[in-house]
Amino acid sequence: MKNLLADIRAGSPIFSVETVGDGFVIIPKPGQEAAFAKMIDELSFQSNDEFAIFPITDGKVGYSRATVMPF
């Protein structure tokens, strides 16, 4: 898990990354909303000493984006 923050910051086939201040926002790519929601659920409930994650709901079952703030 030591490089998890770098892995997230690098982007993925399921989400894009936008830098915002000291952190960044990850946004699901079209068609990847379910995979993105699953990833956010997993990240939200696992313990780490690298970052805090703040998901924003899409008003349905998933997330429209998540802010990631390094410690």
PDB file of N, CA and C in Angstrom:
ATOM      1  N   MET A   1       0.815  -1.188   0.000  1.00  0.00           N
ATOM      2  CA  MET A   1       0.000   0.000   0.000  1.00  0.00           C
ATOM      3  C   MET A   1       0.865   1.261   0.000  1.00  0.00           C
ATOM      4  N   LYS A   2       2.147   1.161   0.124  1.00  0.00           N
ATOM      5  CA  LYS A   2       2.999   2.333   0.264  1.00  0.00           C
ATOM      6  C   LYS A   2       2.946   3.257  -0.937  1.00  0.00           C
ATOM      7  N   ASN A   3       2.693   2.756  -2.124  1.00  0.00           N
ATOM      8  CA  ASN A   3       2.635   3.609  -3.305  1.00  0.00           C
ATOM      9  C   ASN A   3       1.200   3.847  -3.774  1.00  0.00           C
ATOM     10  N   LEU A   4       0.240   3.605  -2.912  1.00  0.00           N
ATOM     11  CA  LEU A   4      -1.159   3.755  -3.287  1.00  0.00           C
ATOM     12  C   LEU A   4      -1.465   5.192  -3.704  1.00  0.00           C
ATOM     13  N   LEU A   5      -0.973   6.172  -2.980  1.00  0.00           N
ATOM     14  CA  LEU A   5      -1.218   7.563  -3.334  1.00  0.00           C
ATOM     15  C   LEU A   5      -0.657   7.878  -4.716  1.00  0.00           C
ATOM     16  N   ALA A   6       0.550   7.444  -5.002  1.00  0.00           N
ATOM     17  CA  ALA A   6       1.147   7.667  -6.326  1.00  0.00           C
ATOM     18  C   ALA A   6       0.356   6.950  -7.410  1.00  0.00           C
ATOM     19  N   ASP A   7      -0.119   5.758  -7.110  1.00  0.00           N
ATOM     20  CA  ASP A   7      -0.929   5.002  -8.080  1.00  0.00           C
ATOM     21  C   ASP A   7      -2.226   5.743  -8.400  1.00  0.00           C
ATOM     22  N   ILE A   8      -2.878   6.278  -7.381  1.00  0.00           N
ATOM     23  CA  ILE A   8      -4.116   7.020  -7.609  1.00  0.00           C
ATOM     24  C   ILE A   8      -3.828   8.288  -8.396  1.00  0.00           C
ATOM     25  N   ARG A   9      -2.797   9.014  -7.998  1.00  0.00           N
ATOM     26  CA  ARG A   9      -2.444  10.271  -8.671  1.00  0.00           C
ATOM     27  C   ARG A   9      -2.105  10.055 -10.152  1.00  0.00           C
ATOM     28  N   ALA A  10      -1.624   8.878 -10.497  1.00  0.00           N
ATOM     29  CA  ALA A  10      -1.243   8.570 -11.882  1.00  0.00           C
ATOM     30  C   ALA A  10      -2.450   8.354 -12.799  1.00  0.00           C
ATOM     31  N   GLY A  11      -3.635   8.165 -12.198  1.00  0.00           N
ATOM     32  CA  GLY A  11      -4.816   7.935 -13.026  1.00  0.00           C
ATOM     33  C   GLY A  11      -5.025   6.454 -13.298  1.00  0.00           C
ATOM     34  N   SER A  12      -6.085   6.185 -14.037  1.00  0.00           N
ATOM     35  CA  SER A  12      -6.495   4.802 -14.254  1.00  0.00           C
ATOM     36  C   SER A  12      -7.456   4.743 -15.429  1.00  0.00           C
ATOM     37  N   PRO A  13      -7.691   3.561 -15.976  1.00  0.00           N
ATOM     38  CA  PRO A  13      -8.708   3.428 -17.021  1.00  0.00           C
ATOM     39  C   PRO A  13     -10.123   3.746 -16.521  1.00  0.00           C
ATOM     40  N   ILE A  14     -10.329   3.747 -15.183  1.00  0.00           N
ATOM     41  CA  ILE A  14     -11.675   4.021 -14.675  1.00  0.00           C
ATOM     42  C   ILE A  14     -11.867   5.445 -14.164  1.00  0.00           C
ATOM     43  N   PHE A  15     -10.797   6.214 -13.991  1.00  0.00           N
ATOM     44  CA  PHE A  15     -10.972   7.585 -13.520  1.00  0.00           C
ATOM     45  C   PHE A  15      -9.888   8.510 -14.058  1.00  0.00           C
ATOM     46  N   SER A  16     -10.237   9.795 -14.101  1.00  0.00           N
ATOM     47  CA  SER A  16      -9.267  10.833 -14.468  1.00  0.00           C
ATOM     48  C   SER A  16      -8.915  11.614 -13.209  1.00  0.00           C
ATOM     49  N   VAL A  17      -7.831  12.387 -13.297  1.00  0.00           N
ATOM     50  CA  VAL A  17      -7.313  13.114 -12.138  1.00  0.00           C
ATOM     51  C   VAL A  17      -7.186  14.591 -12.473  1.00  0.00           C
ATOM     52  N   GLU A  18      -7.641  15.434 -11.556  1.00  0.00           N
ATOM     53  CA  GLU A  18      -7.471  16.879 -11.668  1.00  0.00           C
ATOM     54  C   GLU A  18      -6.777  17.373 -10.406  1.00  0.00           C
ATOM     55  N   THR A  19      -5.653  18.062 -10.542  1.00  0.00           N
ATOM     56  CA  THR A  19      -4.934  18.603  -9.401  1.00  0.00           C
ATOM     57  C   THR A  19      -5.675  19.819  -8.870  1.00  0.00           C
ATOM     58  N   VAL A  20      -5.829  19.869  -7.539  1.00  0.00           N
ATOM     59  CA  VAL A  20      -6.510  20.976  -6.871  1.00  0.00           C
ATOM     60  C   VAL A  20      -5.743  21.293  -5.590  1.00  0.00           C
ATOM     61  N   GLY A  21      -5.019  22.405  -5.580  1.00  0.00           N
ATOM     62  CA  GLY A  21      -4.243  22.762  -4.393  1.00  0.00           C
ATOM     63  C   GLY A  21      -3.234  21.694  -4.056  1.00  0.00           C
ATOM     64  N   ASP A  22      -3.217  21.283  -2.790  1.00  0.00           N
ATOM     65  CA  ASP A  22      -2.282  20.247  -2.332  1.00  0.00           C
ATOM     66  C   ASP A  22      -2.781  18.835  -2.628  1.00  0.00           C
ATOM     67  N   GLY A  23      -4.020  18.721  -3.035  1.00  0.00           N
ATOM     68  CA  GLY A  23      -4.596  17.409  -3.299  1.00  0.00           C
ATOM     69  C   GLY A  23      -5.010  17.270  -4.742  1.00  0.00           C
ATOM     70  N   PHE A  24      -5.934  16.381  -4.971  1.00  0.00           N
ATOM     71  CA  PHE A  24      -6.448  16.175  -6.323  1.00  0.00           C
ATOM     72  C   PHE A  24      -7.840  15.579  -6.255  1.00  0.00           C
ATOM     73  N   VAL A  25      -8.553  15.694  -7.358  1.00  0.00           N
ATOM     74  CA  VAL A  25      -9.905  15.164  -7.477  1.00  0.00           C
ATOM     75  C   VAL A  25      -9.869  14.044  -8.502  1.00  0.00           C
ATOM     76  N   ILE A  26     -10.506  12.934  -8.176  1.00  0.00           N
ATOM     77  CA  ILE A  26     -10.624  11.839  -9.136  1.00  0.00           C
ATOM     78  C   ILE A  26     -12.084  11.753  -9.568  1.00  0.00           C
ATOM     79  N   ILE A  27     -12.282  11.563 -10.877  1.00  0.00           N
ATOM     80  CA  ILE A  27     -13.605  11.601 -11.493  1.00  0.00           C
ATOM     81  C   ILE A  27     -13.772  10.359 -12.359  1.00  0.00           C
ATOM     82  N   PRO A  28     -14.896   9.655 -12.236  1.00  0.00           N
ATOM     83  CA  PRO A  28     -15.071   8.444 -13.041  1.00  0.00           C
ATOM     84  C   PRO A  28     -15.161   8.769 -14.527  1.00  0.00           C
ATOM     85  N   LYS A  29     -14.573   7.918 -15.331  1.00  0.00           N
ATOM     86  CA  LYS A  29     -14.707   8.052 -16.788  1.00  0.00           C
ATOM     87  C   LYS A  29     -16.058   7.488 -17.203  1.00  0.00           C
ATOM     88  N   PRO A  30     -16.623   7.987 -18.296  1.00  0.00           N
ATOM     89  CA  PRO A  30     -17.932   7.493 -18.753  1.00  0.00           C
ATOM     90  C   PRO A  30     -17.943   5.968 -18.893  1.00  0.00           C
ATOM     91  N   GLY A  31     -18.989   5.368 -18.354  1.00  0.00           N
ATOM     92  CA  GLY A  31     -19.130   3.915 -18.418  1.00  0.00           C
ATOM     93  C   GLY A  31     -18.421   3.174 -17.296  1.00  0.00           C
ATOM     94  N   GLN A  32     -17.673   3.898 -16.463  1.00  0.00           N
ATOM     95  CA  GLN A  32     -16.897   3.265 -15.392  1.00  0.00           C
ATOM     96  C   GLN A  32     -17.421   3.621 -13.998  1.00  0.00           C
ATOM     97  N   GLU A  33     -18.625   4.137 -13.934  1.00  0.00           N
ATOM     98  CA  GLU A  33     -19.163   4.609 -12.660  1.00  0.00           C
ATOM     99  C   GLU A  33     -19.260   3.516 -11.600  1.00  0.00           C
ATOM    100  N   ALA A  34     -19.680   2.325 -11.973  1.00  0.00           N
ATOM    101  CA  ALA A  34     -19.806   1.233 -11.000  1.00  0.00           C
ATOM    102  C   ALA A  34     -18.440   0.807 -10.477  1.00  0.00           C
ATOM    103  N   ALA A  35     -17.460   0.686 -11.346  1.00  0.00           N
ATOM    104  CA  ALA A  35     -16.098   0.323 -10.923  1.00  0.00           C
ATOM    105  C   ALA A  35     -15.510   1.419 -10.040  1.00  0.00           C
ATOM    106  N   PHE A  36     -15.778   2.672 -10.387  1.00  0.00           N
ATOM    107  CA  PHE A  36     -15.296   3.801  -9.596  1.00  0.00           C
ATOM    108  C   PHE A  36     -15.919   3.759  -8.194  1.00  0.00           C
ATOM    109  N   ALA A  37     -17.219   3.539  -8.119  1.00  0.00           N
ATOM    110  CA  ALA A  37     -17.897   3.474  -6.823  1.00  0.00           C
ATOM    111  C   ALA A  37     -17.327   2.356  -5.956  1.00  0.00           C
ATOM    112  N   LYS A  38     -17.065   1.214  -6.555  1.00  0.00           N
ATOM    113  CA  LYS A  38     -16.484   0.090  -5.806  1.00  0.00           C
ATOM    114  C   LYS A  38     -15.095   0.461  -5.280  1.00  0.00           C
ATOM    115  N   MET A  39     -14.283   1.092  -6.128  1.00  0.00           N
ATOM    116  CA  MET A  39     -12.943   1.495  -5.715  1.00  0.00           C
ATOM    117  C   MET A  39     -13.012   2.513  -4.568  1.00  0.00           C
ATOM    118  N   ILE A  40     -13.928   3.495  -4.673  1.00  0.00           N
ATOM    119  CA  ILE A  40     -14.066   4.501  -3.623  1.00  0.00           C
ATOM    120  C   ILE A  40     -14.503   3.852  -2.318  1.00  0.00           C
ATOM    121  N   ASP A  41     -15.444   2.922  -2.374  1.00  0.00           N
ATOM    122  CA  ASP A  41     -15.865   2.204  -1.166  1.00  0.00           C
ATOM    123  C   ASP A  41     -14.679   1.500  -0.519  1.00  0.00           C
ATOM    124  N   GLU A  42     -13.875   0.828  -1.318  1.00  0.00           N
ATOM    125  CA  GLU A  42     -12.714   0.111  -0.784  1.00  0.00           C
ATOM    126  C   GLU A  42     -11.697   1.075  -0.179  1.00  0.00           C
ATOM    127  N   LEU A  43     -11.416   2.167  -0.863  1.00  0.00           N
ATOM    128  CA  LEU A  43     -10.454   3.148  -0.352  1.00  0.00           C
ATOM    129  C   LEU A  43     -10.956   3.827   0.916  1.00  0.00           C
ATOM    130  N   SER A  44     -12.262   4.069   0.988  1.00  0.00           N
ATOM    131  CA  SER A  44     -12.836   4.768   2.138  1.00  0.00           C
ATOM    132  C   SER A  44     -12.765   3.945   3.419  1.00  0.00           C
ATOM    133  N   PHE A  45     -12.800   2.637   3.294  1.00  0.00           N
ATOM    134  CA  PHE A  45     -12.856   1.793   4.472  1.00  0.00           C
ATOM    135  C   PHE A  45     -11.547   1.093   4.808  1.00  0.00           C
ATOM    136  N   GLN A  46     -10.487   1.389   4.062  1.00  0.00           N
ATOM    137  CA  GLN A  46      -9.207   0.781   4.416  1.00  0.00           C
ATOM    138  C   GLN A  46      -8.337   1.820   5.112  1.00  0.00           C
ATOM    139  N   SER A  47      -7.592   1.363   6.074  1.00  0.00           N
ATOM    140  CA  SER A  47      -6.716   2.234   6.835  1.00  0.00           C
ATOM    141  C   SER A  47      -5.454   2.538   6.035  1.00  0.00           C
ATOM    142  N   ASN A  48      -5.042   3.803   6.029  1.00  0.00           N
ATOM    143  CA  ASN A  48      -3.783   4.162   5.379  1.00  0.00           C
ATOM    144  C   ASN A  48      -3.213   5.388   6.068  1.00  0.00           C
ATOM    145  N   ASP A  49      -1.922   5.608   5.892  1.00  0.00           N
ATOM    146  CA  ASP A  49      -1.265   6.771   6.503  1.00  0.00           C
ATOM    147  C   ASP A  49      -0.771   7.741   5.436  1.00  0.00           C
ATOM    148  N   GLU A  50      -1.326   7.640   4.228  1.00  0.00           N
ATOM    149  CA  GLU A  50      -0.897   8.483   3.115  1.00  0.00           C
ATOM    150  C   GLU A  50      -1.858   9.614   2.793  1.00  0.00           C
ATOM    151  N   PHE A  51      -3.165   9.365   2.934  1.00  0.00           N
ATOM    152  CA  PHE A  51      -4.139  10.342   2.470  1.00  0.00           C
ATOM    153  C   PHE A  51      -5.500  10.146   3.131  1.00  0.00           C
ATOM    154  N   ALA A  52      -6.340  11.176   3.000  1.00  0.00           N
ATOM    155  CA  ALA A  52      -7.761  11.083   3.351  1.00  0.00           C
ATOM    156  C   ALA A  52      -8.543  11.230   2.054  1.00  0.00           C
ATOM    157  N   ILE A  53      -9.664  10.535   1.959  1.00  0.00           N
ATOM    158  CA  ILE A  53     -10.482  10.598   0.752  1.00  0.00           C
ATOM    159  C   ILE A  53     -11.889  11.060   1.131  1.00  0.00           C
ATOM    160  N   PHE A  54     -12.413  11.988   0.337  1.00  0.00           N
ATOM    161  CA  PHE A  54     -13.714  12.583   0.594  1.00  0.00           C
ATOM    162  C   PHE A  54     -14.597  12.399  -0.639  1.00  0.00           C
ATOM    163  N   PRO A  55     -15.384  11.328  -0.674  1.00  0.00           N
ATOM    164  CA  PRO A  55     -16.241  11.073  -1.843  1.00  0.00           C
ATOM    165  C   PRO A  55     -17.477  11.977  -1.854  1.00  0.00           C
ATOM    166  N   ILE A  56     -17.926  12.319  -3.050  1.00  0.00           N
ATOM    167  CA  ILE A  56     -19.143  13.097  -3.265  1.00  0.00           C
ATOM    168  C   ILE A  56     -20.142  12.188  -3.988  1.00  0.00           C
ATOM    169  N   THR A  57     -21.304  12.006  -3.396  1.00  0.00           N
ATOM    170  CA  THR A  57     -22.309  11.122  -3.987  1.00  0.00           C
ATOM    171  C   THR A  57     -22.850  11.690  -5.297  1.00  0.00           C
ATOM    172  N   ASP A  58     -23.303  10.789  -6.133  1.00  0.00           N
ATOM    173  CA  ASP A  58     -23.943  11.206  -7.384  1.00  0.00           C
ATOM    174  C   ASP A  58     -25.453  11.343  -7.202  1.00  0.00           C
ATOM    175  N   GLY A  59     -25.927  11.177  -5.966  1.00  0.00           N
ATOM    176  CA  GLY A  59     -27.353  11.279  -5.686  1.00  0.00           C
ATOM    177  C   GLY A  59     -28.107   9.992  -5.945  1.00  0.00           C
ATOM    178  N   LYS A  60     -27.392   8.975  -6.382  1.00  0.00           N
ATOM    179  CA  LYS A  60     -28.018   7.685  -6.664  1.00  0.00           C
ATOM    180  C   LYS A  60     -27.348   6.632  -5.789  1.00  0.00           C
ATOM    181  N   VAL A  61     -26.519   5.801  -6.401  1.00  0.00           N
ATOM    182  CA  VAL A  61     -25.862   4.727  -5.664  1.00  0.00           C
ATOM    183  C   VAL A  61     -24.346   4.902  -5.619  1.00  0.00           C
ATOM    184  N   GLY A  62     -23.803   5.724  -6.499  1.00  0.00           N
ATOM    185  CA  GLY A  62     -22.351   5.841  -6.614  1.00  0.00           C
ATOM    186  C   GLY A  62     -21.824   7.218  -6.233  1.00  0.00           C
ATOM    187  N   TYR A  63     -20.725   7.583  -6.868  1.00  0.00           N
ATOM    188  CA  TYR A  63     -20.033   8.836  -6.569  1.00  0.00           C
ATOM    189  C   TYR A  63     -19.747   9.596  -7.857  1.00  0.00           C
ATOM    190  N   SER A  64     -19.876  10.905  -7.797  1.00  0.00           N
ATOM    191  CA  SER A  64     -19.577  11.734  -8.964  1.00  0.00           C
ATOM    192  C   SER A  64     -18.103  12.114  -9.006  1.00  0.00           C
ATOM    193  N   ARG A  65     -17.465  12.078  -7.856  1.00  0.00           N
ATOM    194  CA  ARG A  65     -16.046  12.424  -7.747  1.00  0.00           C
ATOM    195  C   ARG A  65     -15.585  12.164  -6.323  1.00  0.00           C
ATOM    196  N   ALA A  66     -14.283  12.253  -6.101  1.00  0.00           N
ATOM    197  CA  ALA A  66     -13.741  12.157  -4.758  1.00  0.00           C
ATOM    198  C   ALA A  66     -12.504  13.038  -4.675  1.00  0.00           C
ATOM    199  N   THR A  67     -12.392  13.769  -3.581  1.00  0.00           N
ATOM    200  CA  THR A  67     -11.207  14.578  -3.330  1.00  0.00           C
ATOM    201  C   THR A  67     -10.233  13.756  -2.509  1.00  0.00           C
ATOM    202  N   VAL A  68      -8.972  13.764  -2.897  1.00  0.00           N
ATOM    203  CA  VAL A  68      -7.929  13.022  -2.191  1.00  0.00           C
ATOM    204  C   VAL A  68      -6.926  14.042  -1.661  1.00  0.00           C
ATOM    205  N   MET A  69      -6.718  14.037  -0.346  1.00  0.00           N
ATOM    206  CA  MET A  69      -5.806  14.974   0.309  1.00  0.00           C
ATOM    207  C   MET A  69      -4.686  14.205   0.992  1.00  0.00           C
ATOM    208  N   PRO A  70      -3.446  14.388   0.523  1.00  0.00           N
ATOM    209  CA  PRO A  70      -2.316  13.733   1.170  1.00  0.00           C
ATOM    210  C   PRO A  70      -2.111  14.278   2.595  1.00  0.00           C
ATOM    211  N   PHE A  71      -1.571  13.439   3.480  1.00  0.00           N
ATOM    212  CA  PHE A  71      -1.226  13.895   4.831  1.00  0.00           C
ATOM    213  C   PHE A  71       0.089  14.611   4.804  1.00  0.00           C
TER     214      PHE A  71
END
